[in-house]
Amino acid sequence: MKPDLKAALLTAIVYPGAGHFSLKKHLIGAIFAGVFSVLLILTLQDIFAIAQCTANEIVHGKIPMSVTAILKAAQQPSNACAQLAEYKYVPLMIVIWILSIADAYRLGRKVLPNIID
């Protein structure tokens, strides 16, 4: 498989920066992976905050202890819990992932002439 396509696919399917590591571009791969990981952790903290808020509502009796009520609360959190979910980092995560794919492909194209020669 060509290095440009391999790097782009690794980045697209596995994780941002994975293609850079396959091209031996460790620093830029670590930057892409690190920034994406930080944003992922921040997004997961938002998700856990919503789950904790919903669990507190169940414990305090605001949500009945039935499977259907709990499922409904998980799908549609209350206004108090929904305010915790801004998901403000998701668009930036998508942009970083796309930039990582494009950069891995670009760097793979630079490596391609050296391999063919």
PDB file of N, CA and C in Angstrom:
ATOM      1  N   MET A   1       0.850  -1.174   0.000  1.00  0.00           N
ATOM      2  CA  MET A   1       0.000   0.000   0.000  1.00  0.00           C
ATOM      3  C   MET A   1       0.893   1.234   0.000  1.00  0.00           C
ATOM      4  N   LYS A   2       0.476   2.246  -0.738  1.00  0.00           N
ATOM      5  CA  LYS A   2       1.246   3.487  -0.811  1.00  0.00           C
ATOM      6  C   LYS A   2       1.279   4.162   0.558  1.00  0.00           C
ATOM      7  N   PRO A   3       2.390   4.798   0.879  1.00  0.00           N
ATOM      8  CA  PRO A   3       2.504   5.415   2.208  1.00  0.00           C
ATOM      9  C   PRO A   3       1.498   6.548   2.441  1.00  0.00           C
ATOM     10  N   ASP A   4       1.156   7.285   1.382  1.00  0.00           N
ATOM     11  CA  ASP A   4       0.201   8.377   1.569  1.00  0.00           C
ATOM     12  C   ASP A   4      -1.181   7.846   1.919  1.00  0.00           C
ATOM     13  N   LEU A   5      -1.625   6.820   1.230  1.00  0.00           N
ATOM     14  CA  LEU A   5      -2.932   6.236   1.491  1.00  0.00           C
ATOM     15  C   LEU A   5      -2.941   5.506   2.837  1.00  0.00           C
ATOM     16  N   LYS A   6      -1.864   4.800   3.128  1.00  0.00           N
ATOM     17  CA  LYS A   6      -1.762   4.083   4.400  1.00  0.00           C
ATOM     18  C   LYS A   6      -1.818   5.059   5.582  1.00  0.00           C
ATOM     19  N   ALA A   7      -1.077   6.163   5.490  1.00  0.00           N
ATOM     20  CA  ALA A   7      -1.053   7.153   6.568  1.00  0.00           C
ATOM     21  C   ALA A   7      -2.428   7.809   6.737  1.00  0.00           C
ATOM     22  N   ALA A   8      -3.065   8.142   5.629  1.00  0.00           N
ATOM     23  CA  ALA A   8      -4.388   8.772   5.704  1.00  0.00           C
ATOM     24  C   ALA A   8      -5.415   7.803   6.304  1.00  0.00           C
ATOM     25  N   LEU A   9      -5.368   6.545   5.900  1.00  0.00           N
ATOM     26  CA  LEU A   9      -6.314   5.564   6.431  1.00  0.00           C
ATOM     27  C   LEU A   9      -6.070   5.279   7.911  1.00  0.00           C
ATOM     28  N   LEU A  10      -4.819   5.182   8.309  1.00  0.00           N
ATOM     29  CA  LEU A  10      -4.523   4.972   9.732  1.00  0.00           C
ATOM     30  C   LEU A  10      -5.053   6.123  10.573  1.00  0.00           C
ATOM     31  N   THR A  11      -4.862   7.333  10.077  1.00  0.00           N
ATOM     32  CA  THR A  11      -5.343   8.509  10.804  1.00  0.00           C
ATOM     33  C   THR A  11      -6.860   8.552  10.825  1.00  0.00           C
ATOM     34  N   ALA A  12      -7.489   8.199   9.719  1.00  0.00           N
ATOM     35  CA  ALA A  12      -8.948   8.266   9.634  1.00  0.00           C
ATOM     36  C   ALA A  12      -9.620   7.179  10.457  1.00  0.00           C
ATOM     37  N   ILE A  13      -9.059   5.990  10.468  1.00  0.00           N
ATOM     38  CA  ILE A  13      -9.725   4.854  11.098  1.00  0.00           C
ATOM     39  C   ILE A  13      -9.274   4.629  12.538  1.00  0.00           C
ATOM     40  N   VAL A  14      -7.991   4.782  12.807  1.00  0.00           N
ATOM     41  CA  VAL A  14      -7.472   4.443  14.125  1.00  0.00           C
ATOM     42  C   VAL A  14      -7.569   5.620  15.080  1.00  0.00           C
ATOM     43  N   TYR A  15      -6.804   6.686  14.809  1.00  0.00           N
ATOM     44  CA  TYR A  15      -6.754   7.826  15.730  1.00  0.00           C
ATOM     45  C   TYR A  15      -5.969   8.938  15.044  1.00  0.00           C
ATOM     46  N   PRO A  16      -6.309  10.192  15.305  1.00  0.00           N
ATOM     47  CA  PRO A  16      -5.518  11.276  14.712  1.00  0.00           C
ATOM     48  C   PRO A  16      -4.053  11.176  15.135  1.00  0.00           C
ATOM     49  N   GLY A  17      -3.165  11.269  14.173  1.00  0.00           N
ATOM     50  CA  GLY A  17      -1.741  11.152  14.441  1.00  0.00           C
ATOM     51  C   GLY A  17      -1.180   9.777  14.167  1.00  0.00           C
ATOM     52  N   ALA A  18      -2.021   8.766  14.063  1.00  0.00           N
ATOM     53  CA  ALA A  18      -1.532   7.401  13.839  1.00  0.00           C
ATOM     54  C   ALA A  18      -0.783   7.277  12.514  1.00  0.00           C
ATOM     55  N   GLY A  19      -1.260   7.944  11.495  1.00  0.00           N
ATOM     56  CA  GLY A  19      -0.584   7.909  10.196  1.00  0.00           C
ATOM     57  C   GLY A  19       0.768   8.588  10.241  1.00  0.00           C
ATOM     58  N   HIS A  20       0.870   9.628  11.047  1.00  0.00           N
ATOM     59  CA  HIS A  20       2.150  10.315  11.182  1.00  0.00           C
ATOM     60  C   HIS A  20       3.197   9.396  11.817  1.00  0.00           C
ATOM     61  N   PHE A  21       2.776   8.611  12.788  1.00  0.00           N
ATOM     62  CA  PHE A  21       3.699   7.671  13.414  1.00  0.00           C
ATOM     63  C   PHE A  21       4.187   6.631  12.404  1.00  0.00           C
ATOM     64  N   SER A  22       3.310   6.199  11.501  1.00  0.00           N
ATOM     65  CA  SER A  22       3.728   5.226  10.487  1.00  0.00           C
ATOM     66  C   SER A  22       4.713   5.836   9.495  1.00  0.00           C
ATOM     67  N   LEU A  23       4.664   7.166   9.350  1.00  0.00           N
ATOM     68  CA  LEU A  23       5.599   7.866   8.458  1.00  0.00           C
ATOM     69  C   LEU A  23       6.868   8.319   9.185  1.00  0.00           C
ATOM     70  N   LYS A  24       7.004   7.923  10.450  1.00  0.00           N
ATOM     71  CA  LYS A  24       8.146   8.299  11.295  1.00  0.00           C
ATOM     72  C   LYS A  24       8.174   9.801  11.582  1.00  0.00           C
ATOM     73  N   LYS A  25       7.019  10.434  11.583  1.00  0.00           N
ATOM     74  CA  LYS A  25       6.885  11.850  11.942  1.00  0.00           C
ATOM     75  C   LYS A  25       6.279  11.902  13.340  1.00  0.00           C
ATOM     76  N   HIS A  26       7.064  11.511  14.322  1.00  0.00           N
ATOM     77  CA  HIS A  26       6.577  11.299  15.680  1.00  0.00           C
ATOM     78  C   HIS A  26       6.118  12.582  16.366  1.00  0.00           C
ATOM     79  N   LEU A  27       6.827  13.681  16.149  1.00  0.00           N
ATOM     80  CA  LEU A  27       6.474  14.916  16.838  1.00  0.00           C
ATOM     81  C   LEU A  27       5.104  15.424  16.404  1.00  0.00           C
ATOM     82  N   ILE A  28       4.879  15.523  15.116  1.00  0.00           N
ATOM     83  CA  ILE A  28       3.588  16.027  14.640  1.00  0.00           C
ATOM     84  C   ILE A  28       2.475  15.031  14.964  1.00  0.00           C
ATOM     85  N   GLY A  29       2.782  13.741  14.921  1.00  0.00           N
ATOM     86  CA  GLY A  29       1.798  12.735  15.318  1.00  0.00           C
ATOM     87  C   GLY A  29       1.422  12.868  16.772  1.00  0.00           C
ATOM     88  N   ALA A  30       2.416  13.112  17.614  1.00  0.00           N
ATOM     89  CA  ALA A  30       2.147  13.289  19.045  1.00  0.00           C
ATOM     90  C   ALA A  30       1.338  14.560  19.300  1.00  0.00           C
ATOM     91  N   ILE A  31       1.604  15.601  18.522  1.00  0.00           N
ATOM     92  CA  ILE A  31       0.838  16.847  18.687  1.00  0.00           C
ATOM     93  C   ILE A  31      -0.623  16.617  18.327  1.00  0.00           C
ATOM     94  N   PHE A  32      -0.872  16.006  17.166  1.00  0.00           N
ATOM     95  CA  PHE A  32      -2.256  15.741  16.763  1.00  0.00           C
ATOM     96  C   PHE A  32      -2.959  14.828  17.773  1.00  0.00           C
ATOM     97  N   ALA A  33      -2.290  13.751  18.159  1.00  0.00           N
ATOM     98  CA  ALA A  33      -2.891  12.811  19.108  1.00  0.00           C
ATOM     99  C   ALA A  33      -3.100  13.460  20.470  1.00  0.00           C
ATOM    100  N   GLY A  34      -2.159  14.261  20.904  1.00  0.00           N
ATOM    101  CA  GLY A  34      -2.269  14.902  22.212  1.00  0.00           C
ATOM    102  C   GLY A  34      -3.395  15.919  22.277  1.00  0.00           C
ATOM    103  N   VAL A  35      -3.470  16.779  21.272  1.00  0.00           N
ATOM    104  CA  VAL A  35      -4.539  17.790  21.256  1.00  0.00           C
ATOM    105  C   VAL A  35      -5.899  17.110  21.178  1.00  0.00           C
ATOM    106  N   PHE A  36      -6.009  16.100  20.314  1.00  0.00           N
ATOM    107  CA  PHE A  36      -7.278  15.389  20.189  1.00  0.00           C
ATOM    108  C   PHE A  36      -7.638  14.688  21.496  1.00  0.00           C
ATOM    109  N   SER A  37      -6.645  14.103  22.162  1.00  0.00           N
ATOM    110  CA  SER A  37      -6.902  13.396  23.424  1.00  0.00           C
ATOM    111  C   SER A  37      -7.391  14.346  24.511  1.00  0.00           C
ATOM    112  N   VAL A  38      -6.793  15.526  24.584  1.00  0.00           N
ATOM    113  CA  VAL A  38      -7.239  16.509  25.575  1.00  0.00           C
ATOM    114  C   VAL A  38      -8.686  16.907  25.316  1.00  0.00           C
ATOM    115  N   LEU A  39      -9.028  17.163  24.059  1.00  0.00           N
ATOM    116  CA  LEU A  39     -10.407  17.532  23.727  1.00  0.00           C
ATOM    117  C   LEU A  39     -11.372  16.376  23.997  1.00  0.00           C
ATOM    118  N   LEU A  40     -10.920  15.150  23.745  1.00  0.00           N
ATOM    119  CA  LEU A  40     -11.745  13.982  24.028  1.00  0.00           C
ATOM    120  C   LEU A  40     -11.999  13.849  25.522  1.00  0.00           C
ATOM    121  N   ILE A  41     -10.984  14.060  26.322  1.00  0.00           N
ATOM    122  CA  ILE A  41     -11.142  13.984  27.782  1.00  0.00           C
ATOM    123  C   ILE A  41     -12.104  15.053  28.276  1.00  0.00           C
ATOM    124  N   LEU A  42     -12.000  16.257  27.741  1.00  0.00           N
ATOM    125  CA  LEU A  42     -12.915  17.332  28.142  1.00  0.00           C
ATOM    126  C   LEU A  42     -14.360  17.009  27.762  1.00  0.00           C
ATOM    127  N   THR A  43     -14.547  16.404  26.595  1.00  0.00           N
ATOM    128  CA  THR A  43     -15.889  16.012  26.167  1.00  0.00           C
ATOM    129  C   THR A  43     -16.429  14.895  27.054  1.00  0.00           C
ATOM    130  N   LEU A  44     -15.589  13.932  27.389  1.00  0.00           N
ATOM    131  CA  LEU A  44     -16.023  12.840  28.269  1.00  0.00           C
ATOM    132  C   LEU A  44     -16.366  13.354  29.666  1.00  0.00           C
ATOM    133  N   GLN A  45     -15.675  14.376  30.135  1.00  0.00           N
ATOM    134  CA  GLN A  45     -16.016  14.971  31.424  1.00  0.00           C
ATOM    135  C   GLN A  45     -17.420  15.572  31.385  1.00  0.00           C
ATOM    136  N   ASP A  46     -17.782  16.205  30.260  1.00  0.00           N
ATOM    137  CA  ASP A  46     -19.140  16.728  30.112  1.00  0.00           C
ATOM    138  C   ASP A  46     -20.169  15.598  30.158  1.00  0.00           C
ATOM    139  N   ILE A  47     -19.862  14.513  29.480  1.00  0.00           N
ATOM    140  CA  ILE A  47     -20.789  13.374  29.438  1.00  0.00           C
ATOM    141  C   ILE A  47     -20.948  12.768  30.836  1.00  0.00           C
ATOM    142  N   PHE A  48     -19.842  12.616  31.555  1.00  0.00           N
ATOM    143  CA  PHE A  48     -19.911  12.065  32.908  1.00  0.00           C
ATOM    144  C   PHE A  48     -20.650  12.994  33.854  1.00  0.00           C
ATOM    145  N   ALA A  49     -20.546  14.305  33.634  1.00  0.00           N
ATOM    146  CA  ALA A  49     -21.265  15.263  34.476  1.00  0.00           C
ATOM    147  C   ALA A  49     -22.774  15.112  34.276  1.00  0.00           C
ATOM    148  N   ILE A  50     -23.194  14.886  33.051  1.00  0.00           N
ATOM    149  CA  ILE A  50     -24.622  14.668  32.774  1.00  0.00           C
ATOM    150  C   ILE A  50     -25.082  13.374  33.430  1.00  0.00           C
ATOM    151  N   ALA A  51     -24.278  12.322  33.305  1.00  0.00           N
ATOM    152  CA  ALA A  51     -24.634  11.042  33.916  1.00  0.00           C
ATOM    153  C   ALA A  51     -24.726  11.167  35.435  1.00  0.00           C
ATOM    154  N   GLN A  52     -23.803  11.896  36.040  1.00  0.00           N
ATOM    155  CA  GLN A  52     -23.829  12.089  37.489  1.00  0.00           C
ATOM    156  C   GLN A  52     -25.053  12.894  37.910  1.00  0.00           C
ATOM    157  N   CYS A  53     -25.380  13.921  37.139  1.00  0.00           N
ATOM    158  CA  CYS A  53     -26.552  14.735  37.441  1.00  0.00           C
ATOM    159  C   CYS A  53     -27.825  13.890  37.360  1.00  0.00           C
ATOM    160  N   THR A  54     -27.926  13.066  36.317  1.00  0.00           N
ATOM    161  CA  THR A  54     -29.097  12.190  36.166  1.00  0.00           C
ATOM    162  C   THR A  54     -29.149  11.171  37.297  1.00  0.00           C
ATOM    163  N   ALA A  55     -28.000  10.617  37.685  1.00  0.00           N
ATOM    164  CA  ALA A  55     -27.971   9.669  38.802  1.00  0.00           C
ATOM    165  C   ALA A  55     -28.413  10.337  40.101  1.00  0.00           C
ATOM    166  N   ASN A  56     -27.998  11.572  40.317  1.00  0.00           N
ATOM    167  CA  ASN A  56     -28.426  12.306  41.515  1.00  0.00           C
ATOM    168  C   ASN A  56     -29.941  12.533  41.512  1.00  0.00           C
ATOM    169  N   GLU A  57     -30.504  12.805  40.348  1.00  0.00           N
ATOM    170  CA  GLU A  57     -31.958  12.982  40.253  1.00  0.00           C
ATOM    171  C   GLU A  57     -32.679  11.682  40.565  1.00  0.00           C
ATOM    172  N   ILE A  58     -32.117  10.559  40.161  1.00  0.00           N
ATOM    173  CA  ILE A  58     -32.731   9.264  40.474  1.00  0.00           C
ATOM    174  C   ILE A  58     -32.670   9.024  41.978  1.00  0.00           C
ATOM    175  N   VAL A  59     -31.514   9.300  42.580  1.00  0.00           N
ATOM    176  CA  VAL A  59     -31.340   9.073  44.015  1.00  0.00           C
ATOM    177  C   VAL A  59     -32.283   9.965  44.831  1.00  0.00           C
ATOM    178  N   HIS A  60     -32.469  11.203  44.396  1.00  0.00           N
ATOM    179  CA  HIS A  60     -33.313  12.137  45.138  1.00  0.00           C
ATOM    180  C   HIS A  60     -34.803  12.004  44.814  1.00  0.00           C
ATOM    181  N   GLY A  61     -35.165  11.047  43.957  1.00  0.00           N
ATOM    182  CA  GLY A  61     -36.569  10.768  43.698  1.00  0.00           C
ATOM    183  C   GLY A  61     -37.201  11.627  42.623  1.00  0.00           C
ATOM    184  N   LYS A  62     -36.425  12.442  41.921  1.00  0.00           N
ATOM    185  CA  LYS A  62     -36.992  13.266  40.841  1.00  0.00           C
ATOM    186  C   LYS A  62     -37.325  12.419  39.616  1.00  0.00           C
ATOM    187  N   ILE A  63     -36.629  11.300  39.479  1.00  0.00           N
ATOM    188  CA  ILE A  63     -36.886  10.362  38.394  1.00  0.00           C
ATOM    189  C   ILE A  63     -37.293   9.042  39.044  1.00  0.00           C
ATOM    190  N   PRO A  64     -38.435   8.477  38.638  1.00  0.00           N
ATOM    191  CA  PRO A  64     -38.888   7.214  39.234  1.00  0.00           C
ATOM    192  C   PRO A  64     -37.908   6.071  38.968  1.00  0.00           C
ATOM    193  N   MET A  65     -37.891   5.120  39.866  1.00  0.00           N
ATOM    194  CA  MET A  65     -37.004   3.958  39.743  1.00  0.00           C
ATOM    195  C   MET A  65     -37.622   2.894  38.845  1.00  0.00           C
ATOM    196  N   SER A  66     -37.856   3.252  37.598  1.00  0.00           N
ATOM    197  CA  SER A  66     -38.337   2.278  36.619  1.00  0.00           C
ATOM    198  C   SER A  66     -37.420   2.345  35.403  1.00  0.00           C
ATOM    199  N   VAL A  67     -37.345   1.238  34.714  1.00  0.00           N
ATOM    200  CA  VAL A  67     -36.449   1.149  33.563  1.00  0.00           C
ATOM    201  C   VAL A  67     -36.826   2.175  32.502  1.00  0.00           C
ATOM    202  N   THR A  68     -38.109   2.310  32.221  1.00  0.00           N
ATOM    203  CA  THR A  68     -38.526   3.244  31.176  1.00  0.00           C
ATOM    204  C   THR A  68     -38.230   4.693  31.560  1.00  0.00           C
ATOM    205  N   ALA A  69     -38.441   5.052  32.813  1.00  0.00           N
ATOM    206  CA  ALA A  69     -38.169   6.426  33.257  1.00  0.00           C
ATOM    207  C   ALA A  69     -36.668   6.720  33.213  1.00  0.00           C
ATOM    208  N   ILE A  70     -35.854   5.751  33.585  1.00  0.00           N
ATOM    209  CA  ILE A  70     -34.406   5.953  33.567  1.00  0.00           C
ATOM    210  C   ILE A  70     -33.900   6.050  32.125  1.00  0.00           C
ATOM    211  N   LEU A  71     -34.427   5.209  31.247  1.00  0.00           N
ATOM    212  CA  LEU A  71     -34.051   5.296  29.840  1.00  0.00           C
ATOM    213  C   LEU A  71     -34.447   6.636  29.237  1.00  0.00           C
ATOM    214  N   LYS A  72     -35.635   7.094  29.577  1.00  0.00           N
ATOM    215  CA  LYS A  72     -36.102   8.393  29.079  1.00  0.00           C
ATOM    216  C   LYS A  72     -35.203   9.514  29.602  1.00  0.00           C
ATOM    217  N   ALA A  73     -34.814   9.440  30.875  1.00  0.00           N
ATOM    218  CA  ALA A  73     -33.935  10.453  31.459  1.00  0.00           C
ATOM    219  C   ALA A  73     -32.550  10.417  30.813  1.00  0.00           C
ATOM    220  N   ALA A  74     -32.095   9.234  30.423  1.00  0.00           N
ATOM    221  CA  ALA A  74     -30.791   9.123  29.764  1.00  0.00           C
ATOM    222  C   ALA A  74     -30.833   9.710  28.357  1.00  0.00           C
ATOM    223  N   GLN A  75     -31.954   9.507  27.672  1.00  0.00           N
ATOM    224  CA  GLN A  75     -32.089  10.022  26.311  1.00  0.00           C
ATOM    225  C   GLN A  75     -32.403  11.516  26.289  1.00  0.00           C
ATOM    226  N   GLN A  76     -33.195  11.965  27.251  1.00  0.00           N
ATOM    227  CA  GLN A  76     -33.590  13.368  27.324  1.00  0.00           C
ATOM    228  C   GLN A  76     -33.361  13.868  28.746  1.00  0.00           C
ATOM    229  N   PRO A  77     -32.143  14.328  29.051  1.00  0.00           N
ATOM    230  CA  PRO A  77     -31.869  14.785  30.408  1.00  0.00           C
ATOM    231  C   PRO A  77     -32.702  16.010  30.764  1.00  0.00           C
ATOM    232  N   SER A  78     -32.907  16.223  32.048  1.00  0.00           N
ATOM    233  CA  SER A  78     -33.660  17.391  32.500  1.00  0.00           C
ATOM    234  C   SER A  78     -32.911  18.667  32.109  1.00  0.00           C
ATOM    235  N   ASN A  79     -33.595  19.793  32.219  1.00  0.00           N
ATOM    236  CA  ASN A  79     -32.973  21.061  31.843  1.00  0.00           C
ATOM    237  C   ASN A  79     -31.727  21.336  32.669  1.00  0.00           C
ATOM    238  N   ALA A  80     -31.776  21.022  33.958  1.00  0.00           N
ATOM    239  CA  ALA A  80     -30.617  21.251  34.828  1.00  0.00           C
ATOM    240  C   ALA A  80     -29.419  20.421  34.370  1.00  0.00           C
ATOM    241  N   CYS A  81     -29.674  19.180  33.984  1.00  0.00           N
ATOM    242  CA  CYS A  81     -28.583  18.311  33.525  1.00  0.00           C
ATOM    243  C   CYS A  81     -28.156  18.658  32.094  1.00  0.00           C
ATOM    244  N   ALA A  82     -29.102  19.043  31.267  1.00  0.00           N
ATOM    245  CA  ALA A  82     -28.794  19.351  29.871  1.00  0.00           C
ATOM    246  C   ALA A  82     -27.895  20.581  29.756  1.00  0.00           C
ATOM    247  N   GLN A  83     -27.962  21.481  30.732  1.00  0.00           N
ATOM    248  CA  GLN A  83     -27.103  22.660  30.691  1.00  0.00           C
ATOM    249  C   GLN A  83     -25.630  22.289  30.823  1.00  0.00           C
ATOM    250  N   LEU A  84     -25.367  21.151  31.397  1.00  0.00           N
ATOM    251  CA  LEU A  84     -23.987  20.688  31.536  1.00  0.00           C
ATOM    252  C   LEU A  84     -23.404  20.212  30.210  1.00  0.00           C
ATOM    253  N   ALA A  85     -24.284  19.887  29.266  1.00  0.00           N
ATOM    254  CA  ALA A  85     -23.857  19.305  27.989  1.00  0.00           C
ATOM    255  C   ALA A  85     -23.797  20.373  26.916  1.00  0.00           C
ATOM    256  N   GLU A  86     -22.657  20.973  26.758  1.00  0.00           N
ATOM    257  CA  GLU A  86     -22.492  21.936  25.680  1.00  0.00           C
ATOM    258  C   GLU A  86     -21.849  21.281  24.463  1.00  0.00           C
ATOM    259  N   TYR A  87     -21.053  20.258  24.684  1.00  0.00           N
ATOM    260  CA  TYR A  87     -20.320  19.569  23.620  1.00  0.00           C
ATOM    261  C   TYR A  87     -19.592  20.568  22.726  1.00  0.00           C
ATOM    262  N   LYS A  88     -19.004  21.568  23.347  1.00  0.00           N
ATOM    263  CA  LYS A  88     -18.357  22.638  22.598  1.00  0.00           C
ATOM    264  C   LYS A  88     -17.061  22.196  21.932  1.00  0.00           C
ATOM    265  N   TYR A  89     -16.521  21.073  22.343  1.00  0.00           N
ATOM    266  CA  TYR A  89     -15.237  20.629  21.798  1.00  0.00           C
ATOM    267  C   TYR A  89     -15.395  19.693  20.602  1.00  0.00           C
ATOM    268  N   VAL A  90     -16.573  19.174  20.371  1.00  0.00           N
ATOM    269  CA  VAL A  90     -16.771  18.192  19.295  1.00  0.00           C
ATOM    270  C   VAL A  90     -16.456  18.778  17.916  1.00  0.00           C
ATOM    271  N   PRO A  91     -16.937  19.993  17.577  1.00  0.00           N
ATOM    272  CA  PRO A  91     -16.566  20.524  16.254  1.00  0.00           C
ATOM    273  C   PRO A  91     -15.055  20.681  16.079  1.00  0.00           C
ATOM    274  N   LEU A  92     -14.388  21.105  17.127  1.00  0.00           N
ATOM    275  CA  LEU A  92     -12.936  21.252  17.053  1.00  0.00           C
ATOM    276  C   LEU A  92     -12.260  19.888  16.904  1.00  0.00           C
ATOM    277  N   MET A  93     -12.808  18.867  17.550  1.00  0.00           N
ATOM    278  CA  MET A  93     -12.268  17.517  17.404  1.00  0.00           C
ATOM    279  C   MET A  93     -12.375  17.051  15.952  1.00  0.00           C
ATOM    280  N   ILE A  94     -13.502  17.336  15.330  1.00  0.00           N
ATOM    281  CA  ILE A  94     -13.705  16.941  13.928  1.00  0.00           C
ATOM    282  C   ILE A  94     -12.715  17.667  13.021  1.00  0.00           C
ATOM    283  N   VAL A  95     -12.526  18.956  13.265  1.00  0.00           N
ATOM    284  CA  VAL A  95     -11.577  19.737  12.464  1.00  0.00           C
ATOM    285  C   VAL A  95     -10.165  19.176  12.619  1.00  0.00           C
ATOM    286  N   ILE A  96      -9.762  18.871  13.845  1.00  0.00           N
ATOM    287  CA  ILE A  96      -8.419  18.334  14.073  1.00  0.00           C
ATOM    288  C   ILE A  96      -8.256  16.980  13.389  1.00  0.00           C
ATOM    289  N   TRP A  97      -9.293  16.152  13.452  1.00  0.00           N
ATOM    290  CA  TRP A  97      -9.209  14.847  12.806  1.00  0.00           C
ATOM    291  C   TRP A  97      -9.044  15.003  11.291  1.00  0.00           C
ATOM    292  N   ILE A  98      -9.817  15.898  10.692  1.00  0.00           N
ATOM    293  CA  ILE A  98      -9.734  16.118   9.239  1.00  0.00           C
ATOM    294  C   ILE A  98      -8.367  16.695   8.867  1.00  0.00           C
ATOM    295  N   LEU A  99      -7.878  17.665   9.644  1.00  0.00           N
ATOM    296  CA  LEU A  99      -6.551  18.228   9.381  1.00  0.00           C
ATOM    297  C   LEU A  99      -5.469  17.162   9.509  1.00  0.00           C
ATOM    298  N   SER A 100      -5.622  16.275  10.466  1.00  0.00           N
ATOM    299  CA  SER A 100      -4.652  15.205  10.658  1.00  0.00           C
ATOM    300  C   SER A 100      -4.646  14.252   9.460  1.00  0.00           C
ATOM    301  N   ILE A 101      -5.815  13.938   8.949  1.00  0.00           N
ATOM    302  CA  ILE A 101      -5.905  13.068   7.767  1.00  0.00           C
ATOM    303  C   ILE A 101      -5.231  13.738   6.577  1.00  0.00           C
ATOM    304  N   ALA A 102      -5.567  15.014   6.347  1.00  0.00           N
ATOM    305  CA  ALA A 102      -4.998  15.736   5.212  1.00  0.00           C
ATOM    306  C   ALA A 102      -3.480  15.864   5.341  1.00  0.00           C
ATOM    307  N   ASP A 103      -2.989  16.159   6.540  1.00  0.00           N
ATOM    308  CA  ASP A 103      -1.556  16.310   6.735  1.00  0.00           C
ATOM    309  C   ASP A 103      -0.829  14.979   6.585  1.00  0.00           C
ATOM    310  N   ALA A 104      -1.413  13.898   7.084  1.00  0.00           N
ATOM    311  CA  ALA A 104      -0.788  12.581   6.918  1.00  0.00           C
ATOM    312  C   ALA A 104      -0.702  12.219   5.439  1.00  0.00           C
ATOM    313  N   TYR A 105      -1.747  12.522   4.680  1.00  0.00           N
ATOM    314  CA  TYR A 105      -1.737  12.254   3.250  1.00  0.00           C
ATOM    315  C   TYR A 105      -0.669  13.105   2.562  1.00  0.00           C
ATOM    316  N   ARG A 106      -0.597  14.383   2.951  1.00  0.00           N
ATOM    317  CA  ARG A 106       0.388  15.300   2.362  1.00  0.00           C
ATOM    318  C   ARG A 106       1.814  14.820   2.651  1.00  0.00           C
ATOM    319  N   LEU A 107       2.078  14.462   3.885  1.00  0.00           N
ATOM    320  CA  LEU A 107       3.408  13.970   4.239  1.00  0.00           C
ATOM    321  C   LEU A 107       3.719  12.640   3.557  1.00  0.00           C
ATOM    322  N   GLY A 108       2.716  11.800   3.392  1.00  0.00           N
ATOM    323  CA  GLY A 108       2.906  10.537   2.682  1.00  0.00           C
ATOM    324  C   GLY A 108       3.251  10.754   1.225  1.00  0.00           C
ATOM    325  N   ARG A 109       2.694  11.799   0.634  1.00  0.00           N
ATOM    326  CA  ARG A 109       3.016  12.123  -0.756  1.00  0.00           C
ATOM    327  C   ARG A 109       4.460  12.601  -0.875  1.00  0.00           C
ATOM    328  N   LYS A 110       4.954  13.289   0.160  1.00  0.00           N
ATOM    329  CA  LYS A 110       6.355  13.732   0.149  1.00  0.00           C
ATOM    330  C   LYS A 110       7.297  12.543   0.262  1.00  0.00           C
ATOM    331  N   VAL A 111       6.912  11.541   1.018  1.00  0.00           N
ATOM    332  CA  VAL A 111       7.742  10.354   1.222  1.00  0.00           C
ATOM    333  C   VAL A 111       7.705   9.461   0.005  1.00  0.00           C
ATOM    334  N   LEU A 112       6.614   9.483  -0.750  1.00  0.00           N
ATOM    335  CA  LEU A 112       6.412   8.591  -1.906  1.00  0.00           C
ATOM    336  C   LEU A 112       7.518   8.677  -2.929  1.00  0.00           C
ATOM    337  N   PRO A 113       7.987   9.857  -3.393  1.00  0.00           N
ATOM    338  CA  PRO A 113       9.067   9.877  -4.382  1.00  0.00           C
ATOM    339  C   PRO A 113      10.364   9.263  -3.859  1.00  0.00           C
ATOM    340  N   ASN A 114      10.642   9.377  -2.576  1.00  0.00           N
ATOM    341  CA  ASN A 114      11.861   8.796  -2.014  1.00  0.00           C
ATOM    342  C   ASN A 114      11.821   7.262  -2.034  1.00  0.00           C
ATOM    343  N   ILE A 115      10.637   6.699  -1.900  1.00  0.00           N
ATOM    344  CA  ILE A 115      10.507   5.245  -1.890  1.00  0.00           C
ATOM    345  C   ILE A 115      10.629   4.682  -3.307  1.00  0.00           C
ATOM    346  N   ILE A 116      10.054   5.404  -4.279  1.00  0.00           N
ATOM    347  CA  ILE A 116      10.057   4.922  -5.659  1.00  0.00           C
ATOM    348  C   ILE A 116      11.460   5.009  -6.263  1.00  0.00           C
ATOM    349  N   ASP A 117      12.244   6.039  -5.907  1.00  0.00           N
ATOM    350  CA  ASP A 117      13.595   6.217  -6.483  1.00  0.00           C
ATOM    351  C   ASP A 117      14.525   5.107  -6.150  1.00  0.00           C
TER     352      ASP A 117
END
